[in-house]
All heavy atoms as atom14 arrays in JSON, in Angstrom:
{
  "sequence": "IFVPVVALPDWVLAGASLFPLLWMAQGLRGAFFPERMAALEPS",
  "atom14_mask": [
    [1, 1, 1, 1, 1, 1, 1, 1, 0, 0, 0, 0, 0, 0],
    [1, 1, 1, 1, 1, 1, 1, 1, 1, 1, 1, 0, 0, 0],
    [1, 1, 1, 1, 1, 1, 1, 0, 0, 0, 0, 0, 0, 0],
    [1, 1, 1, 1, 1, 1, 1, 0, 0, 0, 0, 0, 0, 0],
    [1, 1, 1, 1, 1, 1, 1, 0, 0, 0, 0, 0, 0, 0],
    [1, 1, 1, 1, 1, 1, 1, 0, 0, 0, 0, 0, 0, 0],
    [1, 1, 1, 1, 1, 0, 0, 0, 0, 0, 0, 0, 0, 0],
    [1, 1, 1, 1, 1, 1, 1, 1, 0, 0, 0, 0, 0, 0],
    [1, 1, 1, 1, 1, 1, 1, 0, 0, 0, 0, 0, 0, 0],
    [1, 1, 1, 1, 1, 1, 1, 1, 0, 0, 0, 0, 0, 0],
    [1, 1, 1, 1, 1, 1, 1, 1, 1, 1, 1, 1, 1, 1],
    [1, 1, 1, 1, 1, 1, 1, 0, 0, 0, 0, 0, 0, 0],
    [1, 1, 1, 1, 1, 1, 1, 1, 0, 0, 0, 0, 0, 0],
    [1, 1, 1, 1, 1, 0, 0, 0, 0, 0, 0, 0, 0, 0],
    [1, 1, 1, 1, 0, 0, 0, 0, 0, 0, 0, 0, 0, 0],
    [1, 1, 1, 1, 1, 0, 0, 0, 0, 0, 0, 0, 0, 0],
    [1, 1, 1, 1, 1, 1, 0, 0, 0, 0, 0, 0, 0, 0],
    [1, 1, 1, 1, 1, 1, 1, 1, 0, 0, 0, 0, 0, 0],
    [1, 1, 1, 1, 1, 1, 1, 1, 1, 1, 1, 0, 0, 0],
    [1, 1, 1, 1, 1, 1, 1, 0, 0, 0, 0, 0, 0, 0],
    [1, 1, 1, 1, 1, 1, 1, 1, 0, 0, 0, 0, 0, 0],
    [1, 1, 1, 1, 1, 1, 1, 1, 0, 0, 0, 0, 0, 0],
    [1, 1, 1, 1, 1, 1, 1, 1, 1, 1, 1, 1, 1, 1],
    [1, 1, 1, 1, 1, 1, 1, 1, 0, 0, 0, 0, 0, 0],
    [1, 1, 1, 1, 1, 0, 0, 0, 0, 0, 0, 0, 0, 0],
    [1, 1, 1, 1, 1, 1, 1, 1, 1, 0, 0, 0, 0, 0],
    [1, 1, 1, 1, 0, 0, 0, 0, 0, 0, 0, 0, 0, 0],
    [1, 1, 1, 1, 1, 1, 1, 1, 0, 0, 0, 0, 0, 0],
    [1, 1, 1, 1, 1, 1, 1, 1, 1, 1, 1, 0, 0, 0],
    [1, 1, 1, 1, 0, 0, 0, 0, 0, 0, 0, 0, 0, 0],
    [1, 1, 1, 1, 1, 0, 0, 0, 0, 0, 0, 0, 0, 0],
    [1, 1, 1, 1, 1, 1, 1, 1, 1, 1, 1, 0, 0, 0],
    [1, 1, 1, 1, 1, 1, 1, 1, 1, 1, 1, 0, 0, 0],
    [1, 1, 1, 1, 1, 1, 1, 0, 0, 0, 0, 0, 0, 0],
    [1, 1, 1, 1, 1, 1, 1, 1, 1, 0, 0, 0, 0, 0],
    [1, 1, 1, 1, 1, 1, 1, 1, 1, 1, 1, 0, 0, 0],
    [1, 1, 1, 1, 1, 1, 1, 1, 0, 0, 0, 0, 0, 0],
    [1, 1, 1, 1, 1, 0, 0, 0, 0, 0, 0, 0, 0, 0],
    [1, 1, 1, 1, 1, 0, 0, 0, 0, 0, 0, 0, 0, 0],
    [1, 1, 1, 1, 1, 1, 1, 1, 0, 0, 0, 0, 0, 0],
    [1, 1, 1, 1, 1, 1, 1, 1, 1, 0, 0, 0, 0, 0],
    [1, 1, 1, 1, 1, 1, 1, 0, 0, 0, 0, 0, 0, 0],
    [1, 1, 1, 1, 1, 1, 0, 0, 0, 0, 0, 0, 0, 0]
  ],
  "atom14_positions": [
    [[0.39, 44.02, 89.72], [1.51, 43.15, 89.37], [2.79, 43.96, 89.28], [3.79, 43.65, 89.92], [1.24, 42.42, 88.04], [-0.1, 41.67, 88.1], [2.39, 41.45, 87.75], [-0.21, 40.66, 89.21], [0.0, 0.0, 0.0], [0.0, 0.0, 0.0], [0.0, 0.0, 0.0], [0.0, 0.0, 0.0], [0.0, 0.0, 0.0], [0.0, 0.0, 0.0]],
    [[2.78, 45.01, 88.47], [3.95, 45.86, 88.28], [3.88, 47.14, 89.12], [4.9, 47.65, 89.56], [4.11, 46.23, 86.81], [4.29, 45.05, 85.9], [3.67, 44.99, 84.66], [5.09, 43.97, 86.27], [3.84, 43.9, 83.82], [5.26, 42.88, 85.45], [4.64, 42.85, 84.22], [0.0, 0.0, 0.0], [0.0, 0.0, 0.0], [0.0, 0.0, 0.0]],
    [[2.68, 47.67, 89.27], [2.47, 48.91, 90.02], [1.78, 48.56, 91.33], [0.75, 47.88, 91.33], [1.61, 49.91, 89.23], [1.43, 51.21, 90.01], [2.22, 50.17, 87.86], [0.0, 0.0, 0.0], [0.0, 0.0, 0.0], [0.0, 0.0, 0.0], [0.0, 0.0, 0.0], [0.0, 0.0, 0.0], [0.0, 0.0, 0.0], [0.0, 0.0, 0.0]],
    [[2.31, 48.99, 92.48], [1.67, 48.68, 93.77], [0.23, 49.18, 93.79], [-0.08, 50.27, 93.29], [2.54, 49.43, 94.79], [3.87, 49.56, 94.12], [3.59, 49.73, 92.66], [0.0, 0.0, 0.0], [0.0, 0.0, 0.0], [0.0, 0.0, 0.0], [0.0, 0.0, 0.0], [0.0, 0.0, 0.0], [0.0, 0.0, 0.0], [0.0, 0.0, 0.0]],
    [[-0.66, 48.4, 94.39], [-2.07, 48.78, 94.42], [-2.29, 50.08, 95.17], [-3.24, 50.82, 94.89], [-2.92, 47.65, 95.05], [-2.98, 46.44, 94.14], [-2.39, 47.26, 96.42], [0.0, 0.0, 0.0], [0.0, 0.0, 0.0], [0.0, 0.0, 0.0], [0.0, 0.0, 0.0], [0.0, 0.0, 0.0], [0.0, 0.0, 0.0], [0.0, 0.0, 0.0]],
    [[-1.41, 50.39, 96.11], [-1.56, 51.63, 96.88], [-1.36, 52.85, 95.99], [-1.83, 53.95, 96.32], [-0.56, 51.65, 98.05], [0.86, 51.8, 97.56], [-0.91, 52.75, 99.05], [0.0, 0.0, 0.0], [0.0, 0.0, 0.0], [0.0, 0.0, 0.0], [0.0, 0.0, 0.0], [0.0, 0.0, 0.0], [0.0, 0.0, 0.0], [0.0, 0.0, 0.0]],
    [[-0.69, 52.69, 94.85], [-0.44, 53.81, 93.94], [-1.48, 53.92, 92.83], [-1.43, 54.87, 92.04], [0.96, 53.68, 93.32], [0.0, 0.0, 0.0], [0.0, 0.0, 0.0], [0.0, 0.0, 0.0], [0.0, 0.0, 0.0], [0.0, 0.0, 0.0], [0.0, 0.0, 0.0], [0.0, 0.0, 0.0], [0.0, 0.0, 0.0], [0.0, 0.0, 0.0]],
    [[-2.41, 52.98, 92.75], [-3.4, 52.97, 91.67], [-4.64, 53.76, 92.07], [-5.1, 53.68, 93.22], [-3.79, 51.54, 91.32], [-2.68, 50.68, 90.7], [-3.14, 49.23, 90.58], [-2.26, 51.22, 89.34], [0.0, 0.0, 0.0], [0.0, 0.0, 0.0], [0.0, 0.0, 0.0], [0.0, 0.0, 0.0], [0.0, 0.0, 0.0], [0.0, 0.0, 0.0]],
    [[-5.23, 54.52, 91.14], [-6.49, 55.23, 91.44], [-7.62, 54.26, 91.74], [-7.6, 53.1, 91.29], [-6.75, 56.02, 90.15], [-5.45, 56.07, 89.43], [-4.72, 54.81, 89.79], [0.0, 0.0, 0.0], [0.0, 0.0, 0.0], [0.0, 0.0, 0.0], [0.0, 0.0, 0.0], [0.0, 0.0, 0.0], [0.0, 0.0, 0.0], [0.0, 0.0, 0.0]],
    [[-8.61, 54.74, 92.47], [-9.73, 53.87, 92.85], [-10.48, 53.34, 91.63], [-10.91, 52.19, 91.62], [-10.69, 54.64, 93.76], [-10.08, 54.93, 95.13], [-9.11, 54.24, 95.5], [-10.57, 55.85, 95.82], [0.0, 0.0, 0.0], [0.0, 0.0, 0.0], [0.0, 0.0, 0.0], [0.0, 0.0, 0.0], [0.0, 0.0, 0.0], [0.0, 0.0, 0.0]],
    [[-10.64, 54.19, 90.6], [-11.4, 53.74, 89.43], [-10.66, 52.64, 88.66], [-11.28, 51.77, 88.06], [-11.72, 54.91, 88.51], [-10.53, 55.57, 87.87], [-9.79, 56.6, 88.37], [-9.95, 55.23, 86.6], [-8.78, 56.93, 87.51], [-8.85, 56.12, 86.41], [-10.24, 54.29, 85.63], [-8.05, 56.07, 85.27], [-9.44, 54.23, 84.5], [-8.36, 55.12, 84.32]],
    [[-9.32, 52.69, 88.7], [-8.53, 51.63, 88.06], [-8.7, 50.32, 88.82], [-8.91, 49.25, 88.22], [-7.05, 52.03, 87.99], [-6.2, 50.85, 87.5], [-6.87, 53.22, 87.07], [0.0, 0.0, 0.0], [0.0, 0.0, 0.0], [0.0, 0.0, 0.0], [0.0, 0.0, 0.0], [0.0, 0.0, 0.0], [0.0, 0.0, 0.0], [0.0, 0.0, 0.0]],
    [[-8.62, 50.37, 90.14], [-8.81, 49.17, 90.95], [-10.22, 48.61, 90.8], [-10.41, 47.39, 90.79], [-8.53, 49.48, 92.42], [-7.06, 49.74, 92.79], [-6.96, 50.16, 94.25], [-6.22, 48.51, 92.53], [0.0, 0.0, 0.0], [0.0, 0.0, 0.0], [0.0, 0.0, 0.0], [0.0, 0.0, 0.0], [0.0, 0.0, 0.0], [0.0, 0.0, 0.0]],
    [[-11.2, 49.51, 90.69], [-12.59, 49.05, 90.52], [-12.74, 48.28, 89.22], [-13.41, 47.23, 89.16], [-13.54, 50.24, 90.56], [0.0, 0.0, 0.0], [0.0, 0.0, 0.0], [0.0, 0.0, 0.0], [0.0, 0.0, 0.0], [0.0, 0.0, 0.0], [0.0, 0.0, 0.0], [0.0, 0.0, 0.0], [0.0, 0.0, 0.0], [0.0, 0.0, 0.0]],
    [[-12.11, 48.75, 88.14], [-12.18, 48.04, 86.87], [-11.43, 46.72, 86.92], [-11.9, 45.7, 86.42], [0.0, 0.0, 0.0], [0.0, 0.0, 0.0], [0.0, 0.0, 0.0], [0.0, 0.0, 0.0], [0.0, 0.0, 0.0], [0.0, 0.0, 0.0], [0.0, 0.0, 0.0], [0.0, 0.0, 0.0], [0.0, 0.0, 0.0], [0.0, 0.0, 0.0]],
    [[-10.24, 46.74, 87.54], [-9.44, 45.51, 87.61], [-10.11, 44.45, 88.49], [-9.91, 43.25, 88.28], [-8.05, 45.82, 88.15], [0.0, 0.0, 0.0], [0.0, 0.0, 0.0], [0.0, 0.0, 0.0], [0.0, 0.0, 0.0], [0.0, 0.0, 0.0], [0.0, 0.0, 0.0], [0.0, 0.0, 0.0], [0.0, 0.0, 0.0], [0.0, 0.0, 0.0]],
    [[-10.9, 44.89, 89.48], [-11.55, 43.94, 90.39], [-12.62, 43.11, 89.69], [-13.12, 42.13, 90.26], [-12.16, 44.67, 91.58], [-13.23, 45.52, 91.16], [0.0, 0.0, 0.0], [0.0, 0.0, 0.0], [0.0, 0.0, 0.0], [0.0, 0.0, 0.0], [0.0, 0.0, 0.0], [0.0, 0.0, 0.0], [0.0, 0.0, 0.0], [0.0, 0.0, 0.0]],
    [[-12.98, 43.47, 88.47], [-13.96, 42.7, 87.71], [-13.33, 41.48, 87.05], [-14.04, 40.67, 86.43], [-14.61, 43.57, 86.63], [-15.36, 44.81, 87.14], [-15.88, 45.63, 85.97], [-16.5, 44.4, 88.06], [0.0, 0.0, 0.0], [0.0, 0.0, 0.0], [0.0, 0.0, 0.0], [0.0, 0.0, 0.0], [0.0, 0.0, 0.0], [0.0, 0.0, 0.0]],
    [[-12.01, 41.32, 87.19], [-11.3, 40.22, 86.54], [-10.48, 39.47, 87.6], [-10.14, 40.0, 88.65], [-10.4, 40.75, 85.43], [-11.16, 41.48, 84.35], [-11.34, 42.85, 84.42], [-11.72, 40.78, 83.3], [-12.06, 43.52, 83.44], [-12.44, 41.44, 82.31], [-12.61, 42.82, 82.38], [0.0, 0.0, 0.0], [0.0, 0.0, 0.0], [0.0, 0.0, 0.0]],
    [[-10.13, 38.22, 87.31], [-9.52, 37.37, 88.35], [-8.09, 37.72, 88.71], [-7.64, 37.38, 89.8], [-9.61, 35.97, 87.76], [-9.75, 36.15, 86.28], [-10.48, 37.44, 86.1], [0.0, 0.0, 0.0], [0.0, 0.0, 0.0], [0.0, 0.0, 0.0], [0.0, 0.0, 0.0], [0.0, 0.0, 0.0], [0.0, 0.0, 0.0], [0.0, 0.0, 0.0]],
    [[-7.33, 38.39, 87.84], [-5.9, 38.6, 88.11], [-5.67, 39.39, 89.39], [-4.77, 39.05, 90.18], [-5.23, 39.28, 86.92], [-3.71, 39.47, 87.04], [-3.01, 38.14, 87.24], [-3.16, 40.18, 85.81], [0.0, 0.0, 0.0], [0.0, 0.0, 0.0], [0.0, 0.0, 0.0], [0.0, 0.0, 0.0], [0.0, 0.0, 0.0], [0.0, 0.0, 0.0]],
    [[-6.42, 40.46, 89.6], [-6.24, 41.26, 90.81], [-6.45, 40.43, 92.07], [-5.69, 40.54, 93.04], [-7.2, 42.45, 90.8], [-7.15, 43.39, 92.01], [-7.28, 44.85, 91.58], [-8.25, 43.05, 93.03], [0.0, 0.0, 0.0], [0.0, 0.0, 0.0], [0.0, 0.0, 0.0], [0.0, 0.0, 0.0], [0.0, 0.0, 0.0], [0.0, 0.0, 0.0]],
    [[-7.46, 39.56, 92.06], [-7.77, 38.75, 93.24], [-6.73, 37.66, 93.44], [-6.38, 37.33, 94.58], [-9.16, 38.16, 93.09], [-10.22, 39.2, 92.99], [-10.9, 39.6, 91.87], [-10.72, 40.02, 94.06], [-11.78, 40.6, 92.16], [-11.71, 40.88, 93.5], [-10.45, 40.11, 95.42], [-12.4, 41.8, 94.27], [-11.14, 41.03, 96.19], [-12.1, 41.86, 95.62]],
    [[-6.21, 37.1, 92.36], [-5.14, 36.11, 92.49], [-3.91, 36.73, 93.13], [-3.3, 36.15, 94.05], [-4.79, 35.53, 91.11], [-5.89, 34.72, 90.47], [-5.58, 34.4, 88.71], [-4.09, 33.42, 88.81], [0.0, 0.0, 0.0], [0.0, 0.0, 0.0], [0.0, 0.0, 0.0], [0.0, 0.0, 0.0], [0.0, 0.0, 0.0], [0.0, 0.0, 0.0]],
    [[-3.54, 37.92, 92.65], [-2.36, 38.59, 93.2], [-2.57, 38.95, 94.67], [-1.66, 38.79, 95.49], [-2.05, 39.84, 92.38], [0.0, 0.0, 0.0], [0.0, 0.0, 0.0], [0.0, 0.0, 0.0], [0.0, 0.0, 0.0], [0.0, 0.0, 0.0], [0.0, 0.0, 0.0], [0.0, 0.0, 0.0], [0.0, 0.0, 0.0], [0.0, 0.0, 0.0]],
    [[-3.76, 39.4, 95.02], [-4.03, 39.76, 96.4], [-3.98, 38.55, 97.32], [-3.43, 38.6, 98.42], [-5.4, 40.45, 96.5], [-5.76, 40.9, 97.92], [-7.01, 41.75, 97.93], [-7.25, 42.54, 97.02], [-7.83, 41.6, 98.97], [0.0, 0.0, 0.0], [0.0, 0.0, 0.0], [0.0, 0.0, 0.0], [0.0, 0.0, 0.0], [0.0, 0.0, 0.0]],
    [[-4.56, 37.44, 96.89], [-4.53, 36.23, 97.69], [-3.11, 35.71, 97.89], [-2.74, 35.27, 98.99], [0.0, 0.0, 0.0], [0.0, 0.0, 0.0], [0.0, 0.0, 0.0], [0.0, 0.0, 0.0], [0.0, 0.0, 0.0], [0.0, 0.0, 0.0], [0.0, 0.0, 0.0], [0.0, 0.0, 0.0], [0.0, 0.0, 0.0], [0.0, 0.0, 0.0]],
    [[-2.29, 35.78, 96.85], [-0.91, 35.32, 96.98], [-0.08, 36.27, 97.84], [0.81, 35.83, 98.57], [-0.28, 35.16, 95.59], [-0.87, 34.01, 94.75], [-0.29, 34.03, 93.34], [-0.59, 32.67, 95.41], [0.0, 0.0, 0.0], [0.0, 0.0, 0.0], [0.0, 0.0, 0.0], [0.0, 0.0, 0.0], [0.0, 0.0, 0.0], [0.0, 0.0, 0.0]],
    [[-0.36, 37.57, 97.76], [0.33, 38.5, 98.66], [0.0, 38.18, 100.11], [0.86, 38.26, 101.01], [-0.04, 39.94, 98.34], [0.58, 40.48, 97.07], [0.5, 42.01, 97.01], [-0.86, 42.51, 97.02], [-1.61, 42.7, 95.95], [-1.11, 42.44, 94.74], [-2.84, 43.17, 96.04], [0.0, 0.0, 0.0], [0.0, 0.0, 0.0], [0.0, 0.0, 0.0]],
    [[-1.25, 37.8, 100.37], [-1.64, 37.43, 101.72], [-0.9, 36.21, 102.23], [-0.72, 36.05, 103.44], [0.0, 0.0, 0.0], [0.0, 0.0, 0.0], [0.0, 0.0, 0.0], [0.0, 0.0, 0.0], [0.0, 0.0, 0.0], [0.0, 0.0, 0.0], [0.0, 0.0, 0.0], [0.0, 0.0, 0.0], [0.0, 0.0, 0.0], [0.0, 0.0, 0.0]],
    [[-0.47, 35.33, 101.31], [0.27, 34.14, 101.72], [1.76, 34.41, 101.85], [2.42, 33.84, 102.72], [0.04, 33.02, 100.7], [0.0, 0.0, 0.0], [0.0, 0.0, 0.0], [0.0, 0.0, 0.0], [0.0, 0.0, 0.0], [0.0, 0.0, 0.0], [0.0, 0.0, 0.0], [0.0, 0.0, 0.0], [0.0, 0.0, 0.0], [0.0, 0.0, 0.0]],
    [[2.31, 35.28, 101.0], [3.74, 35.52, 100.98], [4.19, 36.67, 101.89], [5.27, 36.61, 102.47], [4.2, 35.83, 99.54], [4.41, 34.62, 98.68], [3.34, 34.04, 98.01], [5.66, 34.06, 98.52], [3.52, 32.93, 97.2], [5.86, 32.95, 97.72], [4.78, 32.38, 97.06], [0.0, 0.0, 0.0], [0.0, 0.0, 0.0], [0.0, 0.0, 0.0]],
    [[3.39, 37.72, 101.97], [3.82, 38.92, 102.67], [3.63, 38.8, 104.18], [2.72, 38.09, 104.65], [3.03, 40.13, 102.19], [3.43, 40.64, 100.83], [4.35, 39.95, 100.05], [2.88, 41.8, 100.32], [4.72, 40.4, 98.8], [3.24, 42.28, 99.08], [4.16, 41.58, 98.31], [0.0, 0.0, 0.0], [0.0, 0.0, 0.0], [0.0, 0.0, 0.0]],
    [[4.43, 39.53, 104.97], [4.16, 39.61, 106.41], [2.87, 40.38, 106.66], [2.42, 41.17, 105.83], [5.38, 40.36, 106.95], [5.94, 41.09, 105.77], [5.66, 40.23, 104.58], [0.0, 0.0, 0.0], [0.0, 0.0, 0.0], [0.0, 0.0, 0.0], [0.0, 0.0, 0.0], [0.0, 0.0, 0.0], [0.0, 0.0, 0.0], [0.0, 0.0, 0.0]],
    [[2.28, 40.16, 107.82], [0.97, 40.73, 108.11], [0.96, 42.25, 108.05], [-0.05, 42.87, 107.69], [0.49, 40.25, 109.48], [-0.97, 40.54, 109.79], [-1.92, 39.89, 108.78], [-1.62, 38.77, 108.32], [-2.94, 40.53, 108.45], [0.0, 0.0, 0.0], [0.0, 0.0, 0.0], [0.0, 0.0, 0.0], [0.0, 0.0, 0.0], [0.0, 0.0, 0.0]],
    [[2.07, 42.88, 108.41], [2.12, 44.34, 108.42], [1.91, 44.94, 107.03], [1.47, 46.09, 106.9], [3.46, 44.81, 108.97], [4.67, 44.3, 108.22], [5.98, 44.75, 108.83], [7.13, 44.08, 108.21], [7.66, 44.45, 107.05], [7.16, 45.51, 106.4], [8.71, 43.8, 106.56], [0.0, 0.0, 0.0], [0.0, 0.0, 0.0], [0.0, 0.0, 0.0]],
    [[2.2, 44.17, 105.97], [2.05, 44.68, 104.61], [0.59, 44.8, 104.19], [0.28, 45.43, 103.18], [2.8, 43.78, 103.63], [4.3, 43.77, 103.82], [5.06, 45.37, 103.46], [4.82, 45.48, 101.69], [0.0, 0.0, 0.0], [0.0, 0.0, 0.0], [0.0, 0.0, 0.0], [0.0, 0.0, 0.0], [0.0, 0.0, 0.0], [0.0, 0.0, 0.0]],
    [[-0.32, 44.22, 104.97], [-1.74, 44.33, 104.64], [-2.22, 45.77, 104.7], [-3.23, 46.13, 104.08], [-2.57, 43.46, 105.59], [0.0, 0.0, 0.0], [0.0, 0.0, 0.0], [0.0, 0.0, 0.0], [0.0, 0.0, 0.0], [0.0, 0.0, 0.0], [0.0, 0.0, 0.0], [0.0, 0.0, 0.0], [0.0, 0.0, 0.0], [0.0, 0.0, 0.0]],
    [[-1.51, 46.63, 105.43], [-1.9, 48.03, 105.53], [-1.83, 48.75, 104.19], [-2.47, 49.79, 103.99], [-1.0, 48.75, 106.54], [0.0, 0.0, 0.0], [0.0, 0.0, 0.0], [0.0, 0.0, 0.0], [0.0, 0.0, 0.0], [0.0, 0.0, 0.0], [0.0, 0.0, 0.0], [0.0, 0.0, 0.0], [0.0, 0.0, 0.0], [0.0, 0.0, 0.0]],
    [[-1.07, 48.19, 103.23], [-0.94, 48.81, 101.91], [-2.04, 48.37, 100.94], [-2.1, 48.88, 99.82], [0.42, 48.46, 101.31], [1.65, 48.96, 102.1], [2.94, 48.52, 101.4], [1.61, 50.47, 102.26], [0.0, 0.0, 0.0], [0.0, 0.0, 0.0], [0.0, 0.0, 0.0], [0.0, 0.0, 0.0], [0.0, 0.0, 0.0], [0.0, 0.0, 0.0]],
    [[-2.88, 47.44, 101.38], [-4.01, 47.03, 100.53], [-5.11, 48.1, 100.58], [-5.18, 48.88, 101.53], [-4.55, 45.69, 101.0], [-3.57, 44.55, 100.87], [-3.19, 44.26, 99.43], [-4.08, 44.19, 98.57], [-1.98, 44.12, 99.16], [0.0, 0.0, 0.0], [0.0, 0.0, 0.0], [0.0, 0.0, 0.0], [0.0, 0.0, 0.0], [0.0, 0.0, 0.0]],
    [[-5.97, 48.16, 99.57], [-7.02, 49.19, 99.55], [-7.9, 49.2, 100.8], [-8.3, 50.27, 101.27], [-7.83, 48.83, 98.3], [-6.87, 48.12, 97.41], [-5.95, 47.36, 98.34], [0.0, 0.0, 0.0], [0.0, 0.0, 0.0], [0.0, 0.0, 0.0], [0.0, 0.0, 0.0], [0.0, 0.0, 0.0], [0.0, 0.0, 0.0], [0.0, 0.0, 0.0]],
    [[-8.2, 48.02, 101.35], [-9.05, 47.94, 102.55], [-8.26, 47.84, 103.83], [-8.84, 47.78, 104.91], [-9.99, 46.74, 102.43], [-9.25, 45.52, 102.45], [0.0, 0.0, 0.0], [0.0, 0.0, 0.0], [0.0, 0.0, 0.0], [0.0, 0.0, 0.0], [0.0, 0.0, 0.0], [0.0, 0.0, 0.0], [0.0, 0.0, 0.0], [0.0, 0.0, 0.0]]
  ]
}
């Protein structure tokens, strides 16, 4: 939300992925962002 996911450690993302907020933000980024921004996602 405040810190780009590309800057977060893997263990932080792994913990956050256990809760819905990370997935909500990712889904909304997929709707709002241009396709090229997908390269900044963890996968």
